[in-house]
Protein backbone atom coordinates (compact mmCIF):
# COMPACT_ATOMS: atom_id res chain seq x y z
CA MET A 1 53.58 49.03 -3.32
CA GLU A 2 50.08 49.21 -1.20
CA LYS A 3 47.54 47.10 -2.46
CA SER A 4 45.22 48.72 -4.99
CA VAL A 5 41.37 49.09 -5.23
CA LEU A 6 40.57 50.11 -8.92
CA THR A 7 37.46 51.78 -9.97
CA SER A 8 34.35 51.38 -12.41
CA GLN A 9 36.09 54.24 -14.21
CA HIS A 10 39.12 52.04 -15.60
CA LEU A 11 36.39 49.18 -17.52
CA PRO A 12 35.56 51.48 -20.32
CA ARG A 13 39.07 52.37 -20.78
CA PHE A 14 40.54 48.66 -20.39
CA ARG A 15 37.48 47.09 -22.60
CA ALA A 16 38.54 49.79 -25.40
CA ILE A 17 41.66 48.49 -25.64
CA VAL A 18 40.70 44.74 -25.74
CA GLY A 19 37.02 44.64 -26.28
CA GLU A 20 33.81 44.31 -24.24
CA ASP A 21 34.17 40.33 -24.05
CA TYR A 22 37.70 40.23 -22.25
CA VAL A 23 37.70 42.67 -19.60
CA PHE A 24 36.29 40.89 -16.12
CA ASN A 25 35.32 42.33 -13.25
CA ASP A 26 32.38 39.70 -11.71
CA LEU A 27 33.55 37.29 -8.72
CA GLU A 28 33.43 33.81 -10.79
CA GLN A 29 36.17 35.35 -12.89
CA ARG A 30 38.16 37.01 -10.08
CA GLN A 31 37.95 33.60 -7.76
CA HIS A 32 38.98 31.79 -10.62
CA TYR A 33 42.18 33.82 -11.25
CA SER A 34 42.90 34.24 -7.30
CA HIS A 35 44.66 31.07 -7.35
CA ASP A 36 47.06 28.76 -9.10
CA GLU A 37 48.92 25.63 -8.06
CA THR A 38 50.46 26.86 -4.65
CA GLU A 39 49.59 25.00 -1.67
CA ASP A 40 45.70 26.64 -0.65
CA LEU A 41 46.24 30.31 -1.02
CA SER A 42 43.84 32.66 -2.72
CA PHE A 43 44.13 36.39 -3.44
CA LEU A 44 41.36 37.85 -5.23
CA PRO A 45 42.10 40.34 -8.21
CA ASP A 46 40.00 43.37 -9.09
CA ILE A 47 40.02 43.04 -12.56
CA VAL A 48 41.36 40.60 -15.25
CA ILE A 49 41.95 41.35 -18.40
CA LYS A 50 42.73 38.59 -21.60
CA PRO A 51 44.35 40.58 -24.61
CA ARG A 52 45.49 38.92 -27.81
CA THR A 53 48.37 41.56 -28.73
CA ALA A 54 51.64 42.95 -27.62
CA GLU A 55 50.08 46.30 -28.58
CA GLU A 56 47.12 45.65 -26.47
CA ILE A 57 49.37 44.88 -23.28
CA SER A 58 51.14 47.78 -23.89
CA GLU A 59 48.50 50.17 -24.09
CA ILE A 60 47.56 48.46 -20.48
CA LEU A 61 50.67 48.76 -19.19
CA LYS A 62 50.98 52.67 -19.97
CA ILE A 63 47.57 53.13 -18.26
CA CYS A 64 48.81 51.06 -15.20
CA ASN A 65 52.31 52.54 -15.04
CA ALA A 66 51.19 55.73 -14.67
CA GLU A 67 48.42 55.51 -12.25
CA LYS A 68 50.94 53.16 -9.87
CA ILE A 69 47.94 49.75 -10.85
CA PRO A 70 49.94 46.47 -9.97
CA VAL A 71 49.54 43.66 -12.48
CA THR A 72 50.11 40.33 -12.16
CA PRO A 73 50.98 38.53 -15.57
CA ARG A 74 49.32 34.75 -15.44
CA GLY A 75 50.07 31.76 -18.26
CA ALA A 76 47.89 28.73 -17.20
CA GLY A 77 47.95 29.02 -13.28
CA THR A 78 50.37 25.49 -12.81
CA GLY A 79 52.82 27.50 -11.11
CA LEU A 80 53.93 25.98 -7.27
CA SER A 81 55.54 29.17 -5.67
CA GLY A 82 52.88 31.84 -6.01
CA GLY A 83 53.81 33.72 -9.10
CA ALA A 84 50.52 34.26 -10.42
CA LEU A 85 49.25 35.15 -7.58
CA PRO A 86 47.67 38.83 -7.43
CA GLN A 87 48.29 39.29 -3.20
CA LEU A 88 47.99 43.33 -4.03
CA GLY A 89 44.62 43.25 -5.99
CA GLY A 90 44.79 44.88 -9.18
CA ILE A 91 44.88 43.32 -12.25
CA VAL A 92 45.73 40.01 -14.10
CA ILE A 93 46.73 40.01 -17.36
CA SER A 94 46.01 36.07 -19.13
CA THR A 95 47.88 34.82 -21.76
CA GLU A 96 45.52 32.47 -22.70
CA ARG A 97 44.04 34.09 -25.86
CA MET A 98 47.93 34.27 -26.80
CA ASN A 99 48.06 31.09 -28.13
CA SER A 100 49.28 30.70 -31.56
CA ILE A 101 52.46 29.00 -32.88
CA LEU A 102 53.24 31.63 -35.04
CA LYS A 103 56.34 29.20 -37.11
CA ILE A 104 58.10 26.53 -37.59
CA ASP A 105 60.94 27.00 -39.06
CA GLU A 106 62.10 24.15 -40.45
CA ASP A 107 65.42 25.24 -42.00
CA ASN A 108 67.13 27.04 -38.66
CA LEU A 109 65.21 24.61 -36.63
CA GLN A 110 63.79 27.25 -34.73
CA VAL A 111 60.13 27.94 -33.62
CA ILE A 112 58.50 31.05 -32.96
CA THR A 113 55.45 31.01 -30.63
CA GLU A 114 53.22 32.76 -28.36
CA PRO A 115 53.12 32.51 -25.13
CA GLY A 116 50.05 31.36 -24.07
CA VAL A 117 50.54 27.75 -26.14
CA ILE A 118 50.28 24.78 -24.13
CA THR A 119 53.85 23.04 -23.82
CA GLU A 120 52.85 19.66 -24.83
CA GLU A 121 51.31 20.91 -28.03
CA LEU A 122 54.12 22.88 -28.73
CA GLN A 123 56.30 19.61 -28.36
CA ARG A 124 53.90 17.88 -30.62
CA ALA A 125 53.61 20.35 -33.50
CA VAL A 126 57.48 20.45 -33.44
CA GLN A 127 57.91 16.42 -33.30
CA ALA A 128 55.61 16.23 -36.43
CA LYS A 129 58.24 17.75 -38.02
CA GLY A 130 60.92 15.27 -36.82
CA PHE A 131 62.02 18.11 -34.06
CA PHE A 132 62.44 17.74 -30.52
CA TYR A 133 61.89 20.76 -27.91
CA PRO A 134 63.37 19.44 -24.45
CA PRO A 135 61.98 21.07 -21.49
CA ASP A 136 59.45 18.97 -20.20
CA PRO A 137 57.66 20.17 -16.75
CA ASN A 138 55.09 18.04 -14.96
CA SER A 139 52.27 19.76 -15.75
CA ARG A 140 53.52 19.97 -19.39
CA GLY A 141 50.05 19.01 -20.58
CA SER A 142 48.66 22.03 -19.21
CA CYS A 143 51.26 24.49 -18.58
CA PHE A 144 51.85 27.43 -20.79
CA ILE A 145 55.11 28.05 -23.17
CA GLY A 146 55.45 31.59 -21.51
CA GLY A 147 55.26 30.61 -17.69
CA ASN A 148 57.99 28.06 -18.31
CA ILE A 149 60.41 31.08 -19.85
CA ALA A 150 59.15 32.86 -16.45
CA GLU A 151 60.25 30.18 -14.39
CA ASN A 152 63.11 28.87 -16.57
CA SER A 153 61.20 25.66 -16.07
CA GLY A 154 63.57 22.21 -16.54
CA GLY A 155 61.80 18.53 -16.14
CA PRO A 156 63.28 15.09 -16.26
CA LYS A 157 64.84 16.01 -19.80
CA ALA A 158 66.86 18.83 -18.39
CA LEU A 159 69.29 16.12 -17.05
CA LYS A 160 70.69 15.45 -20.96
CA TYR A 161 69.23 18.27 -22.97
CA GLY A 162 69.02 21.38 -20.38
CA VAL A 163 66.36 23.55 -19.29
CA VAL A 164 64.33 26.50 -20.90
CA LYS A 165 67.11 28.84 -20.94
CA ASP A 166 69.06 26.46 -23.11
CA TYR A 167 66.50 27.07 -25.59
CA VAL A 168 65.32 30.53 -25.89
CA LEU A 169 67.37 32.65 -28.75
CA ASN A 170 64.73 35.79 -28.37
CA LEU A 171 62.52 37.18 -26.92
CA GLU A 172 59.54 40.12 -27.54
CA ILE A 173 58.49 41.53 -24.64
CA VAL A 174 56.90 44.89 -23.05
CA LEU A 175 58.13 46.92 -20.44
CA PRO A 176 55.94 47.49 -17.52
CA THR A 177 56.44 51.34 -19.24
CA GLY A 178 55.26 50.09 -22.58
CA GLU A 179 57.61 49.86 -25.41
CA ILE A 180 57.53 46.91 -26.99
CA LEU A 181 61.29 45.39 -28.46
CA TRP A 182 63.06 42.35 -29.49
CA THR A 183 65.61 41.31 -26.60
CA GLY A 184 68.18 39.55 -29.25
CA ALA A 185 68.31 38.03 -32.04
CA ASN A 186 67.50 34.67 -33.78
CA VAL A 187 70.80 33.13 -34.10
CA LEU A 188 72.47 30.97 -32.02
CA LYS A 189 75.58 32.65 -30.78
CA ASN A 190 75.22 36.75 -29.62
CA ALA A 191 77.55 38.68 -28.11
CA THR A 192 75.89 42.14 -28.95
CA GLY A 193 76.09 43.56 -25.39
CA TYR A 194 74.11 42.29 -22.32
CA ASN A 195 72.13 39.43 -22.72
CA LEU A 196 68.82 40.72 -22.04
CA THR A 197 66.96 37.50 -22.62
CA GLN A 198 68.50 35.74 -21.01
CA LEU A 199 68.10 37.83 -17.91
CA ILE A 200 64.08 37.96 -19.00
CA VAL A 201 63.69 34.25 -18.72
CA GLY A 202 63.61 33.08 -14.87
CA SER A 203 62.98 36.48 -13.89
CA GLU A 204 59.28 35.40 -12.90
CA GLY A 205 57.60 37.96 -14.66
CA THR A 206 58.86 40.70 -12.65
CA LEU A 207 60.92 42.73 -15.56
CA ALA A 208 58.65 42.43 -18.58
CA PHE A 209 55.77 40.85 -20.07
CA ILE A 210 56.80 37.93 -22.72
CA THR A 211 54.74 38.43 -25.75
CA LYS A 212 56.59 36.28 -28.33
CA ILE A 213 59.43 33.62 -27.97
CA VAL A 214 61.80 32.12 -30.28
CA LEU A 215 63.31 28.45 -29.27
CA LYS A 216 66.25 26.56 -30.59
CA LEU A 217 65.02 22.79 -31.50
CA ILE A 218 67.14 19.44 -32.05
CA PRO A 219 66.57 16.56 -33.79
CA TYR A 220 64.13 13.82 -32.64
CA PRO A 221 66.05 10.93 -30.88
CA GLN A 222 64.47 7.77 -33.28
CA PHE A 223 64.85 5.43 -29.83
CA ASN A 224 64.36 5.29 -25.81
CA LEU A 225 64.63 2.59 -23.41
CA LEU A 226 63.06 2.75 -19.58
CA ILE A 227 64.09 0.51 -16.62
CA LEU A 228 62.33 1.10 -12.99
CA ALA A 229 65.06 -0.03 -10.58
CA PRO A 230 64.25 -0.67 -6.68
CA PHE A 231 66.55 -0.31 -3.65
CA ARG A 232 66.39 -1.52 -0.25
CA SER A 233 68.20 1.75 0.55
CA LEU A 234 66.85 5.26 0.02
CA GLU A 235 70.54 6.12 0.32
CA LYS A 236 71.98 3.77 -2.02
CA ALA A 237 69.45 4.51 -4.34
CA SER A 238 70.15 8.20 -4.48
CA ALA A 239 74.27 7.17 -4.05
CA ALA A 240 73.93 4.85 -7.40
CA VAL A 241 73.18 8.29 -9.06
CA GLY A 242 76.04 9.66 -9.03
CA ALA A 243 77.81 6.26 -9.63
CA ILE A 244 75.97 5.92 -13.20
CA PHE A 245 77.79 9.54 -14.11
CA LYS A 246 81.13 8.19 -12.64
CA ALA A 247 81.21 5.15 -14.68
CA GLY A 248 80.47 7.33 -18.35
CA TYR A 249 77.40 7.43 -18.88
CA THR A 250 74.12 10.32 -19.34
CA PRO A 251 70.76 9.09 -19.30
CA SER A 252 68.21 11.03 -20.60
CA ALA A 253 66.33 10.85 -17.38
CA LEU A 254 66.81 9.81 -13.91
CA GLU A 255 63.76 10.13 -11.32
CA LEU A 256 63.61 9.12 -7.59
CA MET A 257 60.63 7.83 -6.27
CA GLU A 258 60.81 6.92 -2.65
CA ILE A 259 58.50 3.92 -1.57
CA ASP A 260 55.69 6.05 0.27
CA ALA A 261 55.24 8.49 -3.03
CA LEU A 262 55.46 5.12 -5.62
CA ARG A 263 52.73 3.76 -3.63
CA ILE A 264 50.41 6.68 -2.87
CA THR A 265 50.39 7.39 -6.65
CA ASP A 266 49.77 3.61 -7.46
CA LYS A 267 46.88 4.05 -5.27
CA HIS A 268 45.91 7.37 -7.06
CA ILE A 269 45.78 6.26 -10.10
CA GLY A 270 43.97 2.87 -9.56
CA GLY A 271 47.07 0.55 -9.44
CA SER A 272 49.30 -0.83 -12.38
CA SER A 273 51.62 -3.16 -13.27
CA VAL A 274 54.47 -2.30 -11.73
CA PRO A 275 55.95 -4.60 -8.91
CA ILE A 276 56.46 -2.93 -5.58
CA GLY A 277 58.42 -5.07 -2.97
CA ASP A 278 57.80 -4.87 0.53
CA ASP A 279 61.57 -4.40 1.34
CA THR A 280 61.99 -1.21 -1.16
CA GLU A 281 62.56 2.14 -0.19
CA ALA A 282 62.85 3.87 -3.12
CA HIS A 283 62.86 3.51 -6.94
CA LEU A 284 65.12 4.96 -9.85
CA LEU A 285 63.50 5.49 -13.42
CA ILE A 286 65.95 5.59 -15.64
CA GLU A 287 66.03 6.38 -19.20
CA VAL A 288 68.49 6.54 -22.33
CA ASP A 289 67.83 7.76 -25.76
CA GLY A 290 69.56 8.27 -29.40
CA ASN A 291 69.69 6.79 -32.85
CA HIS A 292 71.20 3.81 -32.29
CA LEU A 293 69.67 1.16 -30.58
CA GLU A 294 72.28 -1.77 -30.13
CA THR A 295 74.14 1.39 -28.39
CA LEU A 296 71.31 2.01 -26.17
CA MET A 297 70.86 -1.43 -25.33
CA ALA A 298 74.77 -1.95 -24.05
CA GLU A 299 74.49 1.10 -22.46
CA MET A 300 71.43 0.37 -20.36
CA GLU A 301 73.06 -2.96 -19.77
CA ALA A 302 75.94 -1.18 -18.27
CA ILE A 303 74.08 1.11 -16.20
CA ASN A 304 72.26 -1.75 -15.02
CA GLU A 305 75.79 -3.25 -13.86
CA VAL A 306 76.65 -0.56 -12.03
CA LEU A 307 72.80 -0.32 -10.31
CA THR A 308 74.17 -3.94 -8.41
CA HIS A 309 76.50 -2.30 -6.48
CA PHE A 310 74.09 -0.86 -4.56
CA ASP A 311 71.68 -3.36 -3.20
CA CYS A 312 69.34 -2.86 -6.18
CA GLY A 313 66.76 -5.51 -6.64
CA GLU A 314 65.35 -6.96 -9.92
CA VAL A 315 64.62 -4.15 -12.60
CA TYR A 316 61.60 -3.95 -14.26
CA PHE A 317 62.09 -3.30 -18.13
CA ALA A 318 59.50 -1.73 -20.26
CA GLU A 319 59.23 -3.66 -23.28
CA ASP A 320 56.55 -1.42 -25.11
CA GLU A 321 55.39 1.77 -25.52
CA GLN A 322 52.44 0.93 -23.53
CA GLN A 323 54.84 -0.27 -20.78
CA LYS A 324 57.00 3.16 -20.97
CA SER A 325 53.75 5.05 -20.66
CA THR A 326 53.06 3.36 -17.45
CA LEU A 327 56.01 4.08 -15.56
CA TRP A 328 55.86 7.88 -17.02
CA LYS A 329 53.04 8.04 -15.87
CA ILE A 330 53.18 7.33 -12.29
CA ARG A 331 56.31 9.51 -12.42
CA ARG A 332 53.92 12.20 -13.64
CA GLN A 333 51.20 11.95 -10.92
CA VAL A 334 53.13 12.20 -7.90
CA ALA A 335 53.23 15.27 -7.24
CA GLU A 336 49.26 15.41 -7.39
CA ALA A 337 48.72 12.12 -5.80
CA VAL A 338 50.67 13.03 -2.28
CA LYS A 339 49.05 16.62 -2.66
CA GLN A 340 45.53 14.94 -2.76
CA ALA A 341 46.84 12.56 0.23
CA GLY A 342 47.80 15.89 2.28
CA TYR A 343 51.43 16.62 1.54
CA THR A 344 50.41 19.87 0.49
CA ILE A 345 53.45 22.01 1.01
CA GLU A 346 56.02 21.23 -1.97
CA GLU A 347 60.02 22.41 -2.03
CA ASP A 348 61.95 22.50 -5.23
CA THR A 349 65.41 22.15 -3.51
CA VAL A 350 68.32 21.37 -5.58
CA VAL A 351 72.17 20.01 -4.46
CA PRO A 352 75.61 18.77 -6.38
CA ARG A 353 74.29 15.18 -6.94
CA ALA A 354 76.91 13.53 -4.98
CA VAL A 355 75.55 14.76 -1.54
CA LEU A 356 71.83 14.04 -2.57
CA PRO A 357 72.44 10.92 -0.14
CA ALA A 358 72.92 13.87 2.57
CA LEU A 359 70.10 16.05 1.71
CA ILE A 360 67.91 12.80 1.65
CA ARG A 361 69.15 11.71 5.03
CA GLY A 362 68.86 15.54 6.41
CA VAL A 363 65.43 15.89 5.54
CA LYS A 364 64.17 12.87 7.34
CA LYS A 365 65.67 14.59 10.27
CA LEU A 366 64.41 17.76 10.14
CA GLY A 367 60.67 16.06 9.56
CA THR A 368 61.35 14.24 13.09
CA ALA A 369 62.75 17.57 14.84
CA TYR A 370 60.14 19.88 13.49
CA GLY A 371 57.34 17.67 13.27
CA PHE A 372 56.53 17.08 9.87
CA HIS A 373 56.38 14.24 7.11
CA PRO A 374 58.36 14.41 4.19
CA VAL A 375 58.20 12.67 0.94
CA CYS A 376 60.70 12.29 -1.47
CA TYR A 377 60.84 12.63 -5.35
CA GLY A 378 62.16 14.42 -8.31
CA HIS A 379 64.95 14.72 -10.60
CA ALA A 380 68.11 12.78 -9.04
CA GLY A 381 70.10 13.01 -12.14
CA ASP A 382 70.67 16.54 -11.57
CA GLY A 383 70.32 16.51 -7.79
CA ASN A 384 66.98 18.15 -7.82
CA LEU A 385 65.02 16.96 -5.25
CA HIS A 386 60.48 17.76 -4.69
CA ILE A 387 60.30 17.15 -0.75
CA ARG A 388 56.43 17.34 -0.18
CA ILE A 389 55.38 18.04 3.68
CA LYS A 390 52.55 16.93 5.44
CA ARG A 391 52.30 18.62 8.66
CA LYS A 392 49.23 18.52 11.04
CA GLY A 393 47.10 21.37 11.27
CA THR A 394 49.12 22.80 8.76
CA VAL A 395 48.06 23.44 4.52
CA ASN A 396 50.21 26.23 3.85
CA SER A 397 53.63 27.19 4.83
CA LEU A 398 53.23 31.10 4.33
CA THR A 399 52.17 32.31 7.73
CA ASP A 400 52.80 28.41 10.07
CA PRO A 401 55.35 29.58 12.28
CA GLY A 402 56.50 25.90 12.94
CA MET A 403 56.40 25.18 9.17
CA ILE A 404 58.11 28.41 8.88
CA ASN A 405 61.27 27.02 11.48
CA GLY A 406 61.23 23.78 9.84
CA LEU A 407 61.56 25.26 6.21
CA ARG A 408 64.79 27.35 7.11
CA ALA A 409 66.61 24.70 8.69
CA LEU A 410 65.92 23.18 6.07
CA PHE A 411 67.22 25.36 3.41
CA GLY A 412 69.62 25.66 5.78
CA LEU A 413 71.16 22.45 5.06
CA VAL A 414 70.64 22.34 1.21
CA HIS A 415 72.63 25.74 1.49
CA GLU A 416 75.35 23.84 3.67
CA LEU A 417 75.65 21.18 1.06
CA GLY A 418 76.18 23.53 -2.07
CA GLY A 419 73.00 23.60 -3.26
CA THR A 420 69.61 26.55 -3.25
CA ILE A 421 66.10 26.32 -2.29
CA SER A 422 64.63 26.26 -6.38
CA ALA A 423 65.68 24.33 -8.77
CA GLU A 424 63.04 25.24 -11.45
CA HIS A 425 59.76 26.13 -9.61
CA GLY A 426 61.01 29.68 -8.93
CA ILE A 427 60.79 32.05 -5.77
CA GLY A 428 57.32 33.92 -6.21
CA LEU A 429 55.61 34.49 -2.89
CA VAL A 430 56.30 31.62 -0.98
CA GLN A 431 60.19 31.24 -0.94
CA LYS A 432 61.35 34.89 -0.81
CA ALA A 433 61.16 34.63 2.89
CA TYR A 434 64.14 32.22 2.62
CA MET A 435 66.27 34.21 0.15
CA ASP A 436 68.45 35.66 2.91
CA ILE A 437 69.83 32.09 3.48
CA VAL A 438 71.08 31.90 -0.17
CA MET A 439 71.79 35.47 -0.92
CA ASN A 440 73.29 38.34 0.76
CA THR A 441 72.29 42.03 1.07
CA LYS A 442 74.74 43.02 -2.06
CA HIS A 443 72.75 40.49 -4.03
CA PHE A 444 69.63 42.19 -3.25
CA GLU A 445 70.55 45.80 -4.08
CA LEU A 446 71.89 44.48 -7.34
CA MET A 447 68.41 42.83 -7.81
CA ARG A 448 66.78 45.83 -6.73
CA GLY A 449 68.27 48.39 -8.96
CA ILE A 450 67.95 45.97 -12.23
CA ARG A 451 64.07 46.06 -11.29
CA LYS A 452 64.23 49.52 -10.83
CA VAL A 453 65.30 50.15 -14.46
CA PHE A 454 63.21 47.74 -15.92
CA ASP A 455 60.26 49.02 -14.07
CA PRO A 456 60.23 52.28 -12.38
CA ASN A 457 56.81 52.40 -10.57
CA ASN A 458 57.03 48.62 -9.32
CA ILE A 459 54.00 47.91 -10.79
CA LEU A 460 54.14 44.20 -12.35
CA ASN A 461 54.20 41.28 -10.32
CA SER A 462 55.63 43.39 -7.40
CA GLY A 463 56.26 41.22 -3.87
CA LYS A 464 57.72 38.27 -5.67
CA ILE A 465 61.40 36.84 -5.44
CA PHE A 466 61.96 39.79 -2.62
CA ASP A 467 60.05 42.62 -1.42
CA SER A 468 60.92 45.84 -3.33
């Protein structure tokens, strides 16, 4: 699709749909919605619209479909793959006014919500009723639940409890042609035709606009225990991950932070009481949770015994909620801290966890070969390694030939190890050039065919995931 420039004649039509106060074409608003958290990329939309209802979105999309105007759906703008970037101009439709939790169904353990609700606010609302919505992306304090659905987000608790797709029961969507429909039913089992609900989850806003979400809930676990374990070897830390599962234990979270990431973050947040040894290369943050404290204590002691076989140093046990909060604050601040330190490029690789040591070893070698410095951290328990990259003279990966060659080598290694190029951040704009490493011509043919059925004029988030 060609880049679109809207005319002043479109403004009255859109204002008639959503109201005078919710259509913007001033430079300040356009600049605000021109970027997300992806590197330093920025693309100005022509118009920003903030609807309140599915019906308003339907009317907007009918106009855009008829006149082939590009539309970029947007949540909170916390994405890391460029999914909310309006690189073709056109219209950004923000969900920020669609921010109500509509119903917490205590009898059926479900919640019905609009897409503009902040994820952590939804978690707190259901926790107040004794329920748990586990997916917890790093940006949970600011990201919207609709964006989580679009990217099939995960986070630390995905290890034990699963990712977003495991909790989505039903979706109200608006098709690019304007029709409003529900994709499924508010039930736990559904074998009625194709699973349209799960097709929409993770489709990155390229198939339909999500306007209501029905999520499954579970009872909230009463207790949790947390340790920070130092290792003298980054590879041994990653090897210990697989050993914990082989011994029969499934933590609720198992996070890896290499020493550079931990030191940068510790400085970023002003220092902490967490010990950082000079002979340490990496730390594992390990959490167990459940409803029986004695069982959890025994489980954590057994995990600690496993760690002793991997050259683990003295384990730091978080004795109270404040110490737990300190450890999780460090982990959740890593991405922002290392970005501020110049590691502006982030990759979201995932491999079978048994080959995590080989991936880390390979990442370090590729950094030397291609002239970049990597810092590794992430959800080691499910093999999801976040790799932050700093390369002199490079602030983004989209147009730098040297960085592109390095990333192709990195993603080639990931593929050779049986993994893939994104676990939870999505493909969006910045990763689509590497999709051919993990998918062949038939994959693209099928995906383009699916997209064509949903979006015949290719107006919705065009140019994301693959070139249309």
